N, C-alpha and C. Protein backbone atom coordinates (compact mmCIF):
# COMPACT_ATOMS: atom_id res chain seq x y z
N MET A 1 0.85 -1.17 0.00
CA MET A 1 0.00 0.00 0.00
C MET A 1 0.89 1.23 0.00
N ASN A 2 0.61 2.14 -0.91
CA ASN A 2 1.37 3.38 -0.98
C ASN A 2 0.88 4.36 0.07
N LYS A 3 1.80 5.18 0.50
CA LYS A 3 1.49 6.15 1.54
C LYS A 3 1.66 7.56 0.97
N ILE A 4 0.72 8.42 1.27
CA ILE A 4 0.79 9.81 0.82
C ILE A 4 0.88 10.70 2.05
N THR A 5 1.80 11.63 2.02
CA THR A 5 1.95 12.58 3.12
C THR A 5 1.62 13.97 2.60
N VAL A 6 0.79 14.68 3.33
CA VAL A 6 0.41 16.04 2.96
C VAL A 6 0.79 16.96 4.11
N GLU A 7 1.48 18.03 3.80
CA GLU A 7 1.84 19.00 4.83
C GLU A 7 0.87 20.18 4.75
N ILE A 8 0.28 20.50 5.90
CA ILE A 8 -0.65 21.62 5.99
C ILE A 8 -0.22 22.48 7.17
N ASN A 9 -0.10 23.77 6.95
CA ASN A 9 0.31 24.62 8.07
C ASN A 9 -0.90 24.94 8.94
N PRO A 10 -0.66 25.31 10.18
CA PRO A 10 -1.76 25.57 11.12
C PRO A 10 -2.77 26.61 10.64
N GLN A 11 -2.31 27.61 9.92
CA GLN A 11 -3.22 28.65 9.43
C GLN A 11 -4.22 28.06 8.42
N GLU A 12 -3.76 27.12 7.58
CA GLU A 12 -4.65 26.47 6.62
C GLU A 12 -5.70 25.61 7.33
N VAL A 13 -5.27 24.94 8.39
CA VAL A 13 -6.19 24.12 9.18
C VAL A 13 -7.25 25.03 9.80
N LYS A 14 -6.81 26.14 10.36
CA LYS A 14 -7.73 27.09 11.00
C LYS A 14 -8.76 27.59 9.99
N ARG A 15 -8.30 27.97 8.80
CA ARG A 15 -9.22 28.46 7.76
C ARG A 15 -10.22 27.38 7.37
N ALA A 16 -9.75 26.14 7.25
CA ALA A 16 -10.65 25.04 6.88
C ALA A 16 -11.71 24.81 7.95
N ILE A 17 -11.32 24.90 9.20
CA ILE A 17 -12.28 24.70 10.30
C ILE A 17 -13.33 25.80 10.29
N PHE A 18 -12.91 27.05 10.06
CA PHE A 18 -13.87 28.15 10.05
C PHE A 18 -14.81 28.12 8.85
N LYS A 19 -14.46 27.35 7.83
CA LYS A 19 -15.35 27.18 6.68
C LYS A 19 -16.44 26.16 6.95
N LEU A 20 -16.27 25.36 7.99
CA LEU A 20 -17.28 24.35 8.33
C LEU A 20 -18.56 25.02 8.83
N PRO A 21 -19.69 24.33 8.67
CA PRO A 21 -20.93 24.85 9.28
C PRO A 21 -20.79 24.83 10.80
N PRO A 22 -21.52 25.70 11.51
CA PRO A 22 -21.39 25.80 12.96
C PRO A 22 -21.52 24.46 13.69
N LYS A 23 -22.47 23.62 13.31
CA LYS A 23 -22.64 22.33 13.99
C LYS A 23 -21.41 21.45 13.83
N GLU A 24 -20.81 21.48 12.65
CA GLU A 24 -19.60 20.68 12.41
C GLU A 24 -18.42 21.23 13.20
N ARG A 25 -18.34 22.56 13.34
CA ARG A 25 -17.27 23.17 14.14
C ARG A 25 -17.39 22.76 15.60
N VAL A 26 -18.62 22.76 16.11
CA VAL A 26 -18.85 22.36 17.51
C VAL A 26 -18.46 20.90 17.69
N LYS A 27 -18.85 20.06 16.76
CA LYS A 27 -18.50 18.63 16.82
C LYS A 27 -16.97 18.46 16.82
N PHE A 28 -16.31 19.20 15.94
CA PHE A 28 -14.85 19.14 15.86
C PHE A 28 -14.22 19.60 17.16
N LEU A 29 -14.74 20.69 17.73
CA LEU A 29 -14.21 21.23 18.98
C LEU A 29 -14.35 20.21 20.12
N LYS A 30 -15.51 19.56 20.21
CA LYS A 30 -15.73 18.57 21.26
C LYS A 30 -14.75 17.40 21.13
N GLU A 31 -14.54 16.94 19.90
CA GLU A 31 -13.58 15.85 19.68
C GLU A 31 -12.18 16.28 20.06
N LEU A 32 -11.82 17.49 19.70
CA LEU A 32 -10.49 18.01 20.02
C LEU A 32 -10.30 18.13 21.52
N GLU A 33 -11.32 18.64 22.22
CA GLU A 33 -11.25 18.76 23.67
C GLU A 33 -11.06 17.40 24.33
N GLU A 34 -11.76 16.38 23.84
CA GLU A 34 -11.62 15.03 24.39
C GLU A 34 -10.21 14.50 24.20
N LYS A 35 -9.65 14.74 23.03
CA LYS A 35 -8.29 14.26 22.75
C LYS A 35 -7.25 15.01 23.56
N LEU A 36 -7.49 16.29 23.83
CA LEU A 36 -6.51 17.11 24.55
C LEU A 36 -6.65 17.06 26.06
N PHE A 37 -7.75 16.51 26.56
CA PHE A 37 -7.99 16.50 28.01
C PHE A 37 -6.81 15.91 28.79
N PRO A 38 -6.32 14.72 28.43
CA PRO A 38 -5.21 14.16 29.22
C PRO A 38 -3.99 15.08 29.26
N TYR A 39 -3.68 15.71 28.15
CA TYR A 39 -2.54 16.63 28.09
C TYR A 39 -2.78 17.84 28.99
N ARG A 40 -3.97 18.45 28.88
CA ARG A 40 -4.29 19.61 29.69
C ARG A 40 -4.32 19.25 31.17
N PHE A 41 -4.84 18.09 31.50
CA PHE A 41 -4.91 17.64 32.88
C PHE A 41 -3.50 17.50 33.46
N ARG A 42 -2.60 16.88 32.71
CA ARG A 42 -1.21 16.72 33.17
C ARG A 42 -0.55 18.09 33.38
N GLN A 43 -0.86 19.04 32.50
CA GLN A 43 -0.30 20.39 32.66
C GLN A 43 -0.78 21.03 33.96
N ILE A 44 -2.07 20.92 34.22
CA ILE A 44 -2.64 21.51 35.44
C ILE A 44 -2.02 20.87 36.67
N ILE A 45 -1.92 19.55 36.67
CA ILE A 45 -1.33 18.83 37.81
C ILE A 45 0.12 19.27 38.00
N SER A 46 0.83 19.41 36.92
CA SER A 46 2.23 19.83 37.01
C SER A 46 2.34 21.23 37.62
N ILE A 47 1.47 22.13 37.21
CA ILE A 47 1.48 23.49 37.76
C ILE A 47 1.15 23.46 39.25
N LEU A 48 0.13 22.70 39.61
CA LEU A 48 -0.26 22.62 41.03
C LEU A 48 0.88 22.03 41.87
N ARG A 49 1.51 21.00 41.36
CA ARG A 49 2.62 20.39 42.11
C ARG A 49 3.79 21.35 42.26
N SER A 50 4.06 22.13 41.22
CA SER A 50 5.20 23.05 41.30
C SER A 50 4.93 24.18 42.29
N LYS A 51 3.66 24.51 42.52
CA LYS A 51 3.31 25.59 43.45
C LYS A 51 3.06 25.10 44.87
N ALA A 52 2.99 23.80 45.04
CA ALA A 52 2.73 23.23 46.37
C ALA A 52 3.93 23.47 47.28
N LYS A 53 3.67 23.77 48.52
CA LYS A 53 4.75 23.99 49.48
C LYS A 53 5.42 22.67 49.85
N LYS A 54 4.60 21.61 49.91
CA LYS A 54 5.15 20.29 50.17
C LYS A 54 4.26 19.27 49.48
N PRO A 55 4.78 18.10 49.17
CA PRO A 55 3.97 17.09 48.48
C PRO A 55 2.78 16.66 49.34
N VAL A 56 1.67 16.38 48.68
CA VAL A 56 0.47 15.93 49.38
C VAL A 56 0.32 14.43 49.12
N SER A 57 0.16 13.69 50.20
CA SER A 57 0.04 12.23 50.07
C SER A 57 -1.37 11.85 49.63
N LEU A 58 -1.50 10.66 49.09
CA LEU A 58 -2.80 10.14 48.70
C LEU A 58 -3.71 10.04 49.92
N LYS A 59 -3.14 9.68 51.05
CA LYS A 59 -3.91 9.57 52.29
C LYS A 59 -4.54 10.93 52.64
N ARG A 60 -3.75 11.99 52.51
CA ARG A 60 -4.25 13.34 52.84
C ARG A 60 -5.33 13.77 51.85
N VAL A 61 -5.14 13.48 50.58
CA VAL A 61 -6.13 13.82 49.56
C VAL A 61 -7.44 13.10 49.87
N THR A 62 -7.35 11.83 50.25
CA THR A 62 -8.54 11.04 50.60
C THR A 62 -9.26 11.65 51.80
N GLN A 63 -8.50 12.06 52.81
CA GLN A 63 -9.10 12.69 53.99
C GLN A 63 -9.85 13.96 53.61
N ILE A 64 -9.24 14.77 52.79
CA ILE A 64 -9.85 16.04 52.36
C ILE A 64 -11.13 15.75 51.57
N CYS A 65 -11.08 14.78 50.68
CA CYS A 65 -12.25 14.42 49.87
C CYS A 65 -13.40 13.96 50.76
N LYS A 66 -13.10 13.12 51.74
CA LYS A 66 -14.14 12.63 52.65
C LYS A 66 -14.77 13.78 53.42
N LYS A 67 -13.94 14.72 53.86
CA LYS A 67 -14.43 15.87 54.62
C LYS A 67 -15.36 16.73 53.75
N VAL A 68 -14.96 16.97 52.52
CA VAL A 68 -15.78 17.77 51.62
C VAL A 68 -17.08 17.06 51.29
N ARG A 69 -17.01 15.76 51.01
CA ARG A 69 -18.22 14.99 50.72
C ARG A 69 -19.19 15.04 51.89
N LYS A 70 -18.66 14.90 53.10
CA LYS A 70 -19.50 14.93 54.29
C LYS A 70 -20.20 16.28 54.41
N LYS A 71 -19.45 17.35 54.20
CA LYS A 71 -20.01 18.69 54.29
C LYS A 71 -21.10 18.89 53.23
N LEU A 72 -20.83 18.46 52.00
CA LEU A 72 -21.82 18.60 50.94
C LEU A 72 -23.08 17.79 51.24
N TYR A 73 -22.89 16.58 51.75
CA TYR A 73 -24.02 15.73 52.09
C TYR A 73 -24.88 16.40 53.18
N GLU A 74 -24.22 16.93 54.19
CA GLU A 74 -24.94 17.59 55.28
C GLU A 74 -25.71 18.81 54.77
N GLU A 75 -25.11 19.57 53.88
CA GLU A 75 -25.79 20.74 53.31
C GLU A 75 -27.01 20.32 52.48
N GLU A 76 -26.87 19.22 51.72
CA GLU A 76 -27.98 18.74 50.90
C GLU A 76 -29.12 18.23 51.76
N THR A 77 -28.80 17.51 52.83
CA THR A 77 -29.84 16.95 53.67
C THR A 77 -30.54 18.03 54.48
N LYS A 78 -29.83 19.09 54.86
CA LYS A 78 -30.45 20.21 55.59
C LYS A 78 -31.42 20.95 54.68
N GLY A 79 -31.05 21.09 53.43
CA GLY A 79 -31.87 21.82 52.45
C GLY A 79 -33.13 21.08 52.08
N SER A 80 -33.14 19.75 52.21
CA SER A 80 -34.31 18.98 51.80
C SER A 80 -35.33 18.83 52.93
N ASN A 81 -34.98 19.23 54.13
CA ASN A 81 -35.91 19.13 55.28
C ASN A 81 -36.82 20.31 55.35
């Protein structure tokens, strides 16, 4: 099987995307966001870790999560009474 390589610069890609109908642009954007999520997530984690005063253990993260969940649950149950 023969292989064809096409080089397209970013500006051409941008122009092609803007020529799409709005619904197709939204669909393209959603797919792109899904593909980029892991990369963006790693970037955010890296920034947070670099700004942390000291490393946070998994045990501490779990404790904080439980505390927040408990508080949210209590707020929800108070509001429904």
